């Protein structure tokens, strides 16, 4: 599919990934509607899209994916949908499982049904590596068992199943992307790289839950956007699920040490350890061979370079944001 000049709906379009996706699509000549309810889970999203508000090809719509009638009306004036809206947060979902379900499962069903009514050409849906739960083996490929160990992970898996069922039942073109630990400019305050950075620069001890030996496969946001666009453009991706990761892992303990070193706080700061929490998982590492083969995806930004890019943005932007998990 050629995306140039398409009319595009991005749910969660003012959020971290959605706003970066909007930037790229606008450069491609698309007309973009960023659909976002500006939920108070975290604040500051207005800054993500402020630079596009004067662009005649960009429209901001403050609305909720749980408002089905509004969603249908917008879907009817767009060609394709990138579904990025979600209620994130493993610990948040343990505290408020109903909200995680309503936004991630029911919200996705609304998007799919609105797309069906509007005869949308294709939908690309953001999912999460959390659906795998505790890994049985590494790296995890798309055939790895899905055993979610939090309401957040369960709600994302339910969303996936709805997408696949619509692909089968209605021949609706859907593609699912399981993102692995996305980071970069505009990242949410509760995401670990931003959270650790804030703690270190404010002179506080960065809090590590557990022993710090758990590993994550961090993926820079530009690589995520690349993969998301490739998935929309690929006909072969229809009805498929893909891992989108960086393909390398680092321990949380080593990540904190790296940030302390890069921020020149080695003589001032050391981490503080607290007990682990329910729903956490020991390791993630993406097998991205399927995405490479079918989508042509190739992660380009190594972790140290990505952290430098993130820090350059972080030091240049106000940090008056908050998160329910920060």
C-alpha atoms as a PDB file:
ATOM      1  CA  UNK A   1       0.000   0.000   0.000  1.00  0.00           C
ATOM      2  CA  UNK A   2       1.302   3.425  -0.924  1.00  0.00           C
ATOM      3  CA  UNK A   3       0.714   5.691   2.070  1.00  0.00           C
ATOM      4  CA  UNK A   4       1.548   8.977   0.385  1.00  0.00           C
ATOM      5  CA  UNK A   5      -1.375  11.418   0.534  1.00  0.00           C
ATOM      6  CA  UNK A   6      -3.556   8.947   2.412  1.00  0.00           C
ATOM      7  CA  UNK A   7      -6.025  10.171   5.035  1.00  0.00           C
ATOM      8  CA  UNK A   8      -4.751   8.645   8.268  1.00  0.00           C
ATOM      9  CA  UNK A   9      -6.324   8.198  11.698  1.00  0.00           C
ATOM     10  CA  UNK A  10      -3.953   7.653  14.640  1.00  0.00           C
ATOM     11  CA  UNK A  11      -5.637   6.701  17.885  1.00  0.00           C
ATOM     12  CA  UNK A  12      -3.488   7.876  20.760  1.00  0.00           C
ATOM     13  CA  UNK A  13      -2.101  10.372  18.278  1.00  0.00           C
ATOM     14  CA  UNK A  14      -0.845  12.809  20.908  1.00  0.00           C
ATOM     15  CA  UNK A  15       0.994  10.135  22.851  1.00  0.00           C
ATOM     16  CA  UNK A  16       4.605   9.018  22.774  1.00  0.00           C
ATOM     17  CA  UNK A  17       4.613   6.736  19.727  1.00  0.00           C
ATOM     18  CA  UNK A  18       1.520   8.228  18.086  1.00  0.00           C
ATOM     19  CA  UNK A  19       3.004  11.729  17.923  1.00  0.00           C
ATOM     20  CA  UNK A  20       6.229  10.462  16.337  1.00  0.00           C
ATOM     21  CA  UNK A  21       4.164   8.488  13.840  1.00  0.00           C
ATOM     22  CA  UNK A  22       2.178  11.630  13.012  1.00  0.00           C
ATOM     23  CA  UNK A  23       5.388  13.562  12.323  1.00  0.00           C
ATOM     24  CA  UNK A  24       6.607  10.940   9.878  1.00  0.00           C
ATOM     25  CA  UNK A  25       3.274  10.623   8.079  1.00  0.00           C
ATOM     26  CA  UNK A  26       2.999  14.381   7.641  1.00  0.00           C
ATOM     27  CA  UNK A  27       6.437  14.381   6.012  1.00  0.00           C
ATOM     28  CA  UNK A  28       5.132  11.719   3.632  1.00  0.00           C
ATOM     29  CA  UNK A  29       2.342  14.033   2.515  1.00  0.00           C
ATOM     30  CA  UNK A  30      -0.473  12.347   4.461  1.00  0.00           C
ATOM     31  CA  UNK A  31      -3.407  14.088   6.088  1.00  0.00           C
ATOM     32  CA  UNK A  32      -3.386  13.061   9.731  1.00  0.00           C
ATOM     33  CA  UNK A  33      -6.069  13.036  12.397  1.00  0.00           C
ATOM     34  CA  UNK A  34      -4.588  12.580  15.877  1.00  0.00           C
ATOM     35  CA  UNK A  35      -7.393  11.141  18.015  1.00  0.00           C
ATOM     36  CA  UNK A  36      -6.589  11.367  21.733  1.00  0.00           C
ATOM     37  CA  UNK A  37      -8.544  11.764  24.974  1.00  0.00           C
ATOM     38  CA  UNK A  38      -5.589  13.245  26.930  1.00  0.00           C
ATOM     39  CA  UNK A  39      -6.201  10.850  29.794  1.00  0.00           C
ATOM     40  CA  UNK A  40      -4.750  11.978  33.125  1.00  0.00           C
ATOM     41  CA  UNK A  41      -2.617   8.831  33.476  1.00  0.00           C
ATOM     42  CA  UNK A  42       0.162  11.224  32.558  1.00  0.00           C
ATOM     43  CA  UNK A  43       0.213  14.889  31.578  1.00  0.00           C
ATOM     44  CA  UNK A  44       2.205  16.903  29.077  1.00  0.00           C
ATOM     45  CA  UNK A  45       1.017  15.324  25.824  1.00  0.00           C
ATOM     46  CA  UNK A  46       0.038  18.727  24.462  1.00  0.00           C
ATOM     47  CA  UNK A  47       3.752  19.407  24.006  1.00  0.00           C
ATOM     48  CA  UNK A  48       4.075  16.340  21.772  1.00  0.00           C
ATOM     49  CA  UNK A  49       1.852  17.731  19.038  1.00  0.00           C
ATOM     50  CA  UNK A  50       2.049  21.509  19.545  1.00  0.00           C
ATOM     51  CA  UNK A  51       4.482  21.920  16.638  1.00  0.00           C
ATOM     52  CA  UNK A  52       1.911  20.419  14.236  1.00  0.00           C
ATOM     53  CA  UNK A  53      -1.146  22.454  15.252  1.00  0.00           C
ATOM     54  CA  UNK A  54      -0.576  25.033  12.511  1.00  0.00           C
ATOM     55  CA  UNK A  55      -0.154  22.399   9.812  1.00  0.00           C
ATOM     56  CA  UNK A  56      -3.252  22.290   7.543  1.00  0.00           C
ATOM     57  CA  UNK A  57      -2.671  18.554   7.031  1.00  0.00           C
ATOM     58  CA  UNK A  58      -2.902  17.884  10.784  1.00  0.00           C
ATOM     59  CA  UNK A  59      -6.092  17.725  12.829  1.00  0.00           C
ATOM     60  CA  UNK A  60      -6.247  17.148  16.575  1.00  0.00           C
ATOM     61  CA  UNK A  61      -9.432  15.544  17.837  1.00  0.00           C
ATOM     62  CA  UNK A  62      -9.938  15.315  21.595  1.00  0.00           C
ATOM     63  CA  UNK A  63     -12.051  12.202  21.890  1.00  0.00           C
ATOM     64  CA  UNK A  64     -12.100   8.758  23.467  1.00  0.00           C
ATOM     65  CA  UNK A  65     -11.975   5.393  21.703  1.00  0.00           C
ATOM     66  CA  UNK A  66     -14.756   4.342  24.090  1.00  0.00           C
ATOM     67  CA  UNK A  67     -16.981   6.916  22.350  1.00  0.00           C
ATOM     68  CA  UNK A  68     -18.045   4.657  19.529  1.00  0.00           C
ATOM     69  CA  UNK A  69     -20.181   7.143  17.580  1.00  0.00           C
ATOM     70  CA  UNK A  70     -17.368   9.700  17.480  1.00  0.00           C
ATOM     71  CA  UNK A  71     -14.919   6.999  16.417  1.00  0.00           C
ATOM     72  CA  UNK A  72     -17.145   5.904  13.526  1.00  0.00           C
ATOM     73  CA  UNK A  73     -17.586   9.469  12.301  1.00  0.00           C
ATOM     74  CA  UNK A  74     -13.809   9.937  12.129  1.00  0.00           C
ATOM     75  CA  UNK A  75     -13.117   6.511  10.619  1.00  0.00           C
ATOM     76  CA  UNK A  76     -15.494   7.371   7.761  1.00  0.00           C
ATOM     77  CA  UNK A  77     -13.293  10.254   6.621  1.00  0.00           C
ATOM     78  CA  UNK A  78      -9.974   8.371   6.745  1.00  0.00           C
ATOM     79  CA  UNK A  79      -8.411   5.617   4.655  1.00  0.00           C
ATOM     80  CA  UNK A  80      -6.303   3.702   7.194  1.00  0.00           C
ATOM     81  CA  UNK A  81      -5.957   3.482  10.984  1.00  0.00           C
ATOM     82  CA  UNK A  82      -2.934   3.166  13.226  1.00  0.00           C
ATOM     83  CA  UNK A  83      -4.302   2.057  16.596  1.00  0.00           C
ATOM     84  CA  UNK A  84      -1.824   3.270  19.239  1.00  0.00           C
ATOM     85  CA  UNK A  85      -4.234   4.278  22.009  1.00  0.00           C
ATOM     86  CA  UNK A  86      -3.938   2.177  25.159  1.00  0.00           C
ATOM     87  CA  UNK A  87      -3.992   2.153  28.921  1.00  0.00           C
ATOM     88  CA  UNK A  88      -0.359   1.274  29.711  1.00  0.00           C
ATOM     89  CA  UNK A  89       1.208   0.213  32.965  1.00  0.00           C
ATOM     90  CA  UNK A  90       1.548  -3.251  34.495  1.00  0.00           C
ATOM     91  CA  UNK A  91       1.345  -1.964  38.070  1.00  0.00           C
ATOM     92  CA  UNK A  92      -1.505   0.392  37.152  1.00  0.00           C
ATOM     93  CA  UNK A  93      -3.455  -2.523  35.686  1.00  0.00           C
ATOM     94  CA  UNK A  94      -3.052  -4.516  38.890  1.00  0.00           C
ATOM     95  CA  UNK A  95      -4.588  -1.603  40.788  1.00  0.00           C
ATOM     96  CA  UNK A  96      -7.286  -0.867  38.171  1.00  0.00           C
ATOM     97  CA  UNK A  97      -7.852  -3.954  36.015  1.00  0.00           C
ATOM     98  CA  UNK A  98     -11.256  -2.831  34.759  1.00  0.00           C
ATOM     99  CA  UNK A  99      -9.820   0.299  33.173  1.00  0.00           C
ATOM    100  CA  UNK A 100      -7.052  -1.694  31.484  1.00  0.00           C
ATOM    101  CA  UNK A 101      -9.674  -4.021  30.041  1.00  0.00           C
ATOM    102  CA  UNK A 102     -12.066  -1.258  28.968  1.00  0.00           C
ATOM    103  CA  UNK A 103      -9.436   0.771  27.126  1.00  0.00           C
ATOM    104  CA  UNK A 104      -7.274  -2.009  25.698  1.00  0.00           C
ATOM    105  CA  UNK A 105      -9.836  -4.712  24.917  1.00  0.00           C
ATOM    106  CA  UNK A 106     -13.184  -2.915  24.554  1.00  0.00           C
ATOM    107  CA  UNK A 107     -11.468   0.127  23.030  1.00  0.00           C
ATOM    108  CA  UNK A 108      -9.785  -2.030  20.399  1.00  0.00           C
ATOM    109  CA  UNK A 109     -13.082  -3.753  19.630  1.00  0.00           C
ATOM    110  CA  UNK A 110     -14.606  -0.300  19.097  1.00  0.00           C
ATOM    111  CA  UNK A 111     -11.814   0.641  16.700  1.00  0.00           C
ATOM    112  CA  UNK A 112     -12.274  -2.578  14.739  1.00  0.00           C
ATOM    113  CA  UNK A 113     -16.044  -2.232  14.562  1.00  0.00           C
ATOM    114  CA  UNK A 114     -15.791   1.427  13.546  1.00  0.00           C
ATOM    115  CA  UNK A 115     -13.330   0.443  10.833  1.00  0.00           C
ATOM    116  CA  UNK A 116     -15.690  -2.272   9.618  1.00  0.00           C
ATOM    117  CA  UNK A 117     -18.584   0.160   9.431  1.00  0.00           C
ATOM    118  CA  UNK A 118     -16.417   2.741   7.675  1.00  0.00           C
ATOM    119  CA  UNK A 119     -14.900   0.167   5.298  1.00  0.00           C
ATOM    120  CA  UNK A 120     -11.379   1.191   6.352  1.00  0.00           C
ATOM    121  CA  UNK A 121      -8.686  -0.177   4.048  1.00  0.00           C
ATOM    122  CA  UNK A 122      -6.346  -1.463   6.774  1.00  0.00           C
ATOM    123  CA  UNK A 123      -5.508  -1.260  10.488  1.00  0.00           C
ATOM    124  CA  UNK A 124      -2.125  -1.647  12.181  1.00  0.00           C
ATOM    125  CA  UNK A 125      -2.481  -2.319  15.911  1.00  0.00           C
ATOM    126  CA  UNK A 126       0.105  -1.732  18.631  1.00  0.00           C
ATOM    127  CA  UNK A 127       0.453  -4.620  21.063  1.00  0.00           C
ATOM    128  CA  UNK A 128       3.132  -5.446  23.620  1.00  0.00           C
ATOM    129  CA  UNK A 129       5.802  -8.012  24.429  1.00  0.00           C
ATOM    130  CA  UNK A 130       4.040  -8.282  27.808  1.00  0.00           C
ATOM    131  CA  UNK A 131       1.626 -10.792  26.242  1.00  0.00           C
ATOM    132  CA  UNK A 132       4.370 -13.438  26.454  1.00  0.00           C
ATOM    133  CA  UNK A 133       4.604 -13.281  30.254  1.00  0.00           C
ATOM    134  CA  UNK A 134       7.521 -15.107  31.866  1.00  0.00           C
ATOM    135  CA  UNK A 135       9.680 -16.383  28.980  1.00  0.00           C
ATOM    136  CA  UNK A 136      10.027 -20.086  28.300  1.00  0.00           C
ATOM    137  CA  UNK A 137      13.012 -19.418  26.034  1.00  0.00           C
ATOM    138  CA  UNK A 138      15.016 -16.529  24.591  1.00  0.00           C
ATOM    139  CA  UNK A 139      14.898 -14.859  22.195  1.00  0.00           C
ATOM    140  CA  UNK A 140      11.109 -14.978  22.001  1.00  0.00           C
ATOM    141  CA  UNK A 141       9.639 -15.531  18.565  1.00  0.00           C
ATOM    142  CA  UNK A 142       5.985 -15.039  17.649  1.00  0.00           C
ATOM    143  CA  UNK A 143       5.277 -18.724  18.341  1.00  0.00           C
ATOM    144  CA  UNK A 144       6.332 -18.367  21.979  1.00  0.00           C
ATOM    145  CA  UNK A 145       3.444 -19.225  24.369  1.00  0.00           C
ATOM    146  CA  UNK A 146       1.357 -16.246  25.445  1.00  0.00           C
ATOM    147  CA  UNK A 147       0.826 -16.519  29.205  1.00  0.00           C
ATOM    148  CA  UNK A 148       0.050 -12.983  30.408  1.00  0.00           C
ATOM    149  CA  UNK A 149       0.803 -12.409  34.084  1.00  0.00           C
ATOM    150  CA  UNK A 150      -0.914  -9.050  34.573  1.00  0.00           C
ATOM    151  CA  UNK A 151      -4.298  -7.537  33.636  1.00  0.00           C
ATOM    152  CA  UNK A 152      -2.449  -5.195  31.262  1.00  0.00           C
ATOM    153  CA  UNK A 153      -0.886  -8.106  29.383  1.00  0.00           C
ATOM    154  CA  UNK A 154      -4.193 -10.009  29.340  1.00  0.00           C
ATOM    155  CA  UNK A 155      -6.033  -6.987  27.950  1.00  0.00           C
ATOM    156  CA  UNK A 156      -3.463  -6.551  25.164  1.00  0.00           C
ATOM    157  CA  UNK A 157      -3.708 -10.230  24.263  1.00  0.00           C
ATOM    158  CA  UNK A 158      -7.513  -9.948  24.171  1.00  0.00           C
ATOM    159  CA  UNK A 159      -7.105  -7.005  21.779  1.00  0.00           C
ATOM    160  CA  UNK A 160      -4.873  -9.130  19.563  1.00  0.00           C
ATOM    161  CA  UNK A 161      -7.442 -11.924  19.455  1.00  0.00           C
ATOM    162  CA  UNK A 162     -10.155  -9.483  18.418  1.00  0.00           C
ATOM    163  CA  UNK A 163      -7.925  -8.219  15.593  1.00  0.00           C
ATOM    164  CA  UNK A 164      -7.206 -11.692  14.307  1.00  0.00           C
ATOM    165  CA  UNK A 165     -10.876 -12.665  14.542  1.00  0.00           C
ATOM    166  CA  UNK A 166     -11.883  -9.627  12.467  1.00  0.00           C
ATOM    167  CA  UNK A 167      -9.271 -10.554   9.904  1.00  0.00           C
ATOM    168  CA  UNK A 168     -10.815 -14.019   9.677  1.00  0.00           C
ATOM    169  CA  UNK A 169     -14.511 -13.208  10.076  1.00  0.00           C
ATOM    170  CA  UNK A 170     -14.745 -10.036   8.013  1.00  0.00           C
ATOM    171  CA  UNK A 171     -11.597 -10.222   5.873  1.00  0.00           C
ATOM    172  CA  UNK A 172     -10.533  -6.958   7.489  1.00  0.00           C
ATOM    173  CA  UNK A 173      -6.865  -6.232   6.868  1.00  0.00           C
ATOM    174  CA  UNK A 174      -5.205  -6.109  10.288  1.00  0.00           C
ATOM    175  CA  UNK A 175      -1.581  -6.374  11.392  1.00  0.00           C
ATOM    176  CA  UNK A 176      -0.418  -6.661  15.007  1.00  0.00           C
ATOM    177  CA  UNK A 177       2.947  -5.389  16.259  1.00  0.00           C
ATOM    178  CA  UNK A 178       4.334  -6.512  19.609  1.00  0.00           C
ATOM    179  CA  UNK A 179       6.530  -3.621  20.695  1.00  0.00           C
ATOM    180  CA  UNK A 180       9.460  -4.311  23.043  1.00  0.00           C
ATOM    181  CA  UNK A 181      10.301  -1.606  25.669  1.00  0.00           C
ATOM    182  CA  UNK A 182      10.062   1.507  23.528  1.00  0.00           C
ATOM    183  CA  UNK A 183      12.066   4.576  24.602  1.00  0.00           C
ATOM    184  CA  UNK A 184      13.117   7.948  23.218  1.00  0.00           C
ATOM    185  CA  UNK A 185      12.044  11.604  23.109  1.00  0.00           C
ATOM    186  CA  UNK A 186       8.506  12.209  24.450  1.00  0.00           C
ATOM    187  CA  UNK A 187       8.598   8.923  26.368  1.00  0.00           C
ATOM    188  CA  UNK A 188       6.112   8.579  29.223  1.00  0.00           C
ATOM    189  CA  UNK A 189       7.317   9.572  32.719  1.00  0.00           C
ATOM    190  CA  UNK A 190       6.766   6.016  34.025  1.00  0.00           C
ATOM    191  CA  UNK A 191       8.990   4.384  31.387  1.00  0.00           C
ATOM    192  CA  UNK A 192      12.199   3.237  33.026  1.00  0.00           C
ATOM    193  CA  UNK A 193      14.778   5.196  31.032  1.00  0.00           C
ATOM    194  CA  UNK A 194      12.934   8.461  31.566  1.00  0.00           C
ATOM    195  CA  UNK A 195      12.108   7.619  35.181  1.00  0.00           C
ATOM    196  CA  UNK A 196      15.742   6.793  36.022  1.00  0.00           C
ATOM    197  CA  UNK A 197      16.954   9.922  34.231  1.00  0.00           C
ATOM    198  CA  UNK A 198      14.592  12.130  36.228  1.00  0.00           C
ATOM    199  CA  UNK A 199      15.648  10.563  39.511  1.00  0.00           C
ATOM    200  CA  UNK A 200      19.364  10.887  38.744  1.00  0.00           C
ATOM    201  CA  UNK A 201      19.194  14.504  37.562  1.00  0.00           C
ATOM    202  CA  UNK A 202      17.110  15.470  40.578  1.00  0.00           C
ATOM    203  CA  UNK A 203      19.737  13.990  42.879  1.00  0.00           C
ATOM    204  CA  UNK A 204      17.572  11.080  44.003  1.00  0.00           C
ATOM    205  CA  UNK A 205      18.528   7.444  44.052  1.00  0.00           C
ATOM    206  CA  UNK A 206      17.031   5.624  41.058  1.00  0.00           C
ATOM    207  CA  UNK A 207      14.726   2.891  42.340  1.00  0.00           C
ATOM    208  CA  UNK A 208      15.312  -0.625  40.996  1.00  0.00           C
ATOM    209  CA  UNK A 209      12.608  -3.173  41.738  1.00  0.00           C
ATOM    210  CA  UNK A 210      14.023  -6.631  42.454  1.00  0.00           C
ATOM    211  CA  UNK A 211      17.720  -7.444  42.157  1.00  0.00           C
ATOM    212  CA  UNK A 212      18.280  -5.510  38.929  1.00  0.00           C
ATOM    213  CA  UNK A 213      19.308  -8.607  36.998  1.00  0.00           C
ATOM    214  CA  UNK A 214      16.101  -8.656  34.971  1.00  0.00           C
ATOM    215  CA  UNK A 215      16.785  -7.780  31.333  1.00  0.00           C
ATOM    216  CA  UNK A 216      14.934  -5.744  28.723  1.00  0.00           C
ATOM    217  CA  UNK A 217      15.168  -5.413  24.967  1.00  0.00           C
ATOM    218  CA  UNK A 218      14.935  -1.628  24.505  1.00  0.00           C
ATOM    219  CA  UNK A 219      13.767  -0.300  21.142  1.00  0.00           C
ATOM    220  CA  UNK A 220      14.272   3.277  20.004  1.00  0.00           C
ATOM    221  CA  UNK A 221      11.085   5.052  18.934  1.00  0.00           C
ATOM    222  CA  UNK A 222      12.323   5.798  15.388  1.00  0.00           C
ATOM    223  CA  UNK A 223      12.799   2.068  14.813  1.00  0.00           C
ATOM    224  CA  UNK A 224       9.271   1.474  16.098  1.00  0.00           C
ATOM    225  CA  UNK A 225       7.886   4.053  13.661  1.00  0.00           C
ATOM    226  CA  UNK A 226       9.837   2.455  10.799  1.00  0.00           C
ATOM    227  CA  UNK A 227       8.319  -0.940  11.567  1.00  0.00           C
ATOM    228  CA  UNK A 228       4.808   0.455  11.986  1.00  0.00           C
ATOM    229  CA  UNK A 229       4.892   2.122   8.577  1.00  0.00           C
ATOM    230  CA  UNK A 230       6.377  -0.961   6.943  1.00  0.00           C
ATOM    231  CA  UNK A 231       3.543  -3.043   8.400  1.00  0.00           C
ATOM    232  CA  UNK A 232       0.923  -0.765   6.891  1.00  0.00           C
ATOM    233  CA  UNK A 233       2.637  -0.768   3.505  1.00  0.00           C
ATOM    234  CA  UNK A 234       3.076  -4.551   3.336  1.00  0.00           C
ATOM    235  CA  UNK A 235       0.272  -6.661   1.877  1.00  0.00           C
ATOM    236  CA  UNK A 236       2.004  -9.799   3.123  1.00  0.00           C
ATOM    237  CA  UNK A 237       1.685  -8.530   6.716  1.00  0.00           C
ATOM    238  CA  UNK A 238      -2.111  -8.779   6.700  1.00  0.00           C
ATOM    239  CA  UNK A 239      -3.444 -11.065   9.437  1.00  0.00           C
ATOM    240  CA  UNK A 240      -0.001 -11.488  10.982  1.00  0.00           C
ATOM    241  CA  UNK A 241       1.708 -10.773  14.299  1.00  0.00           C
ATOM    242  CA  UNK A 242       5.260  -9.394  14.463  1.00  0.00           C
ATOM    243  CA  UNK A 243       7.808  -8.788  17.200  1.00  0.00           C
ATOM    244  CA  UNK A 244       9.337  -5.321  16.956  1.00  0.00           C
ATOM    245  CA  UNK A 245      12.400  -5.006  19.165  1.00  0.00           C
ATOM    246  CA  UNK A 246      15.982  -3.898  19.248  1.00  0.00           C
ATOM    247  CA  UNK A 247      17.282  -7.474  19.275  1.00  0.00           C
ATOM    248  CA  UNK A 248      19.651  -6.917  22.239  1.00  0.00           C
ATOM    249  CA  UNK A 249      19.159  -7.012  25.985  1.00  0.00           C
ATOM    250  CA  UNK A 250      20.633  -5.185  28.973  1.00  0.00           C
ATOM    251  CA  UNK A 251      20.106  -5.709  32.705  1.00  0.00           C
ATOM    252  CA  UNK A 252      18.256  -3.004  34.576  1.00  0.00           C
ATOM    253  CA  UNK A 253      21.246  -2.726  36.900  1.00  0.00           C
ATOM    254  CA  UNK A 254      23.586  -2.088  33.954  1.00  0.00           C
ATOM    255  CA  UNK A 255      21.112   0.384  32.452  1.00  0.00           C
ATOM    256  CA  UNK A 256      21.158   2.457  35.645  1.00  0.00           C
ATOM    257  CA  UNK A 257      24.956   2.334  35.753  1.00  0.00           C
ATOM    258  CA  UNK A 258      25.083   3.492  32.124  1.00  0.00           C
ATOM    259  CA  UNK A 259      22.758   6.430  32.797  1.00  0.00           C
ATOM    260  CA  UNK A 260      24.663   7.470  35.931  1.00  0.00           C
ATOM    261  CA  UNK A 261      27.900   7.401  33.950  1.00  0.00           C
ATOM    262  CA  UNK A 262      26.542   9.282  30.929  1.00  0.00           C
ATOM    263  CA  UNK A 263      25.005  11.913  33.223  1.00  0.00           C
ATOM    264  CA  UNK A 264      28.306  12.315  35.113  1.00  0.00           C
ATOM    265  CA  UNK A 265      26.815  11.469  38.504  1.00  0.00           C
ATOM    266  CA  UNK A 266      29.080   8.553  39.434  1.00  0.00           C
ATOM    267  CA  UNK A 267      30.410  10.259  42.576  1.00  0.00           C
ATOM    268  CA  UNK A 268      26.959  11.355  43.725  1.00  0.00           C
ATOM    269  CA  UNK A 269      24.330   8.732  42.956  1.00  0.00           C
ATOM    270  CA  UNK A 270      23.816   5.025  43.493  1.00  0.00           C
ATOM    271  CA  UNK A 271      20.616   3.001  42.975  1.00  0.00           C
ATOM    272  CA  UNK A 272      18.191   1.961  45.695  1.00  0.00           C
ATOM    273  CA  UNK A 273      16.668  -1.503  45.589  1.00  0.00           C
ATOM    274  CA  UNK A 274      13.075  -2.278  46.497  1.00  0.00           C
ATOM    275  CA  UNK A 275      11.076  -5.529  46.364  1.00  0.00           C
ATOM    276  CA  UNK A 276       9.832  -6.634  42.968  1.00  0.00           C
ATOM    277  CA  UNK A 277       6.160  -6.290  42.072  1.00  0.00           C
ATOM    278  CA  UNK A 278       3.466  -8.614  40.764  1.00  0.00           C
ATOM    279  CA  UNK A 279       3.260  -8.823  36.990  1.00  0.00           C
ATOM    280  CA  UNK A 280       6.951  -8.099  36.386  1.00  0.00           C
ATOM    281  CA  UNK A 281       8.907 -10.557  34.241  1.00  0.00           C
ATOM    282  CA  UNK A 282      12.569 -11.526  34.389  1.00  0.00           C
ATOM    283  CA  UNK A 283      13.682 -11.113  30.782  1.00  0.00           C
ATOM    284  CA  UNK A 284      12.690  -9.935  27.316  1.00  0.00           C
ATOM    285  CA  UNK A 285      14.542 -10.383  24.057  1.00  0.00           C
ATOM    286  CA  UNK A 286      12.858 -10.177  20.677  1.00  0.00           C
ATOM    287  CA  UNK A 287      13.438 -12.525  17.799  1.00  0.00           C
ATOM    288  CA  UNK A 288      12.757 -10.092  14.944  1.00  0.00           C
ATOM    289  CA  UNK A 289      13.627 -12.450  12.102  1.00  0.00           C
ATOM    290  CA  UNK A 290      10.009 -12.612  10.915  1.00  0.00           C
ATOM    291  CA  UNK A 291       9.757  -8.805  10.767  1.00  0.00           C
ATOM    292  CA  UNK A 292      13.064  -8.652   8.914  1.00  0.00           C
ATOM    293  CA  UNK A 293      11.957 -11.243   6.363  1.00  0.00           C
ATOM    294  CA  UNK A 294       8.423 -10.017   5.673  1.00  0.00           C
ATOM    295  CA  UNK A 295       8.515  -6.307   6.494  1.00  0.00           C
ATOM    296  CA  UNK A 296      12.139  -5.518   5.749  1.00  0.00           C
ATOM    297  CA  UNK A 297      12.477  -4.221   9.315  1.00  0.00           C
ATOM    298  CA  UNK A 298      15.973  -3.597  10.646  1.00  0.00           C
ATOM    299  CA  UNK A 299      16.600  -1.893  14.008  1.00  0.00           C
ATOM    300  CA  UNK A 300      19.094   0.898  13.367  1.00  0.00           C
ATOM    301  CA  UNK A 301      19.620   2.763  16.640  1.00  0.00           C
ATOM    302  CA  UNK A 302      21.856   1.096  19.252  1.00  0.00           C
ATOM    303  CA  UNK A 303      21.029   1.697  22.912  1.00  0.00           C
ATOM    304  CA  UNK A 304      23.850   4.116  23.743  1.00  0.00           C
ATOM    305  CA  UNK A 305      23.085   6.284  20.722  1.00  0.00           C
ATOM    306  CA  UNK A 306      19.374   6.206  21.507  1.00  0.00           C
ATOM    307  CA  UNK A 307      20.016   7.242  25.099  1.00  0.00           C
ATOM    308  CA  UNK A 308      22.128  10.177  23.914  1.00  0.00           C
ATOM    309  CA  UNK A 309      19.319  11.284  21.595  1.00  0.00           C
ATOM    310  CA  UNK A 310      16.811  10.938  24.423  1.00  0.00           C
ATOM    311  CA  UNK A 311      18.978  12.932  26.840  1.00  0.00           C
ATOM    312  CA  UNK A 312      19.448  15.724  24.281  1.00  0.00           C
ATOM    313  CA  UNK A 313      15.677  16.025  24.032  1.00  0.00           C
ATOM    314  CA  UNK A 314      15.138  15.660  27.782  1.00  0.00           C
ATOM    315  CA  UNK A 315      17.482  18.489  28.729  1.00  0.00           C
ATOM    316  CA  UNK A 316      15.863  20.816  26.157  1.00  0.00           C
ATOM    317  CA  UNK A 317      12.231  20.291  27.194  1.00  0.00           C
ATOM    318  CA  UNK A 318      10.218  21.159  30.292  1.00  0.00           C
ATOM    319  CA  UNK A 319       9.607  18.223  32.603  1.00  0.00           C
ATOM    320  CA  UNK A 320       6.358  19.374  34.184  1.00  0.00           C
ATOM    321  CA  UNK A 321       4.703  16.031  33.602  1.00  0.00           C
ATOM    322  CA  UNK A 322       3.399  13.469  35.974  1.00  0.00           C
ATOM    323  CA  UNK A 323       2.358   9.852  35.848  1.00  0.00           C
ATOM    324  CA  UNK A 324       0.261   7.739  38.161  1.00  0.00           C
ATOM    325  CA  UNK A 325       3.187   5.307  38.301  1.00  0.00           C
ATOM    326  CA  UNK A 326       6.054   7.753  38.617  1.00  0.00           C
END
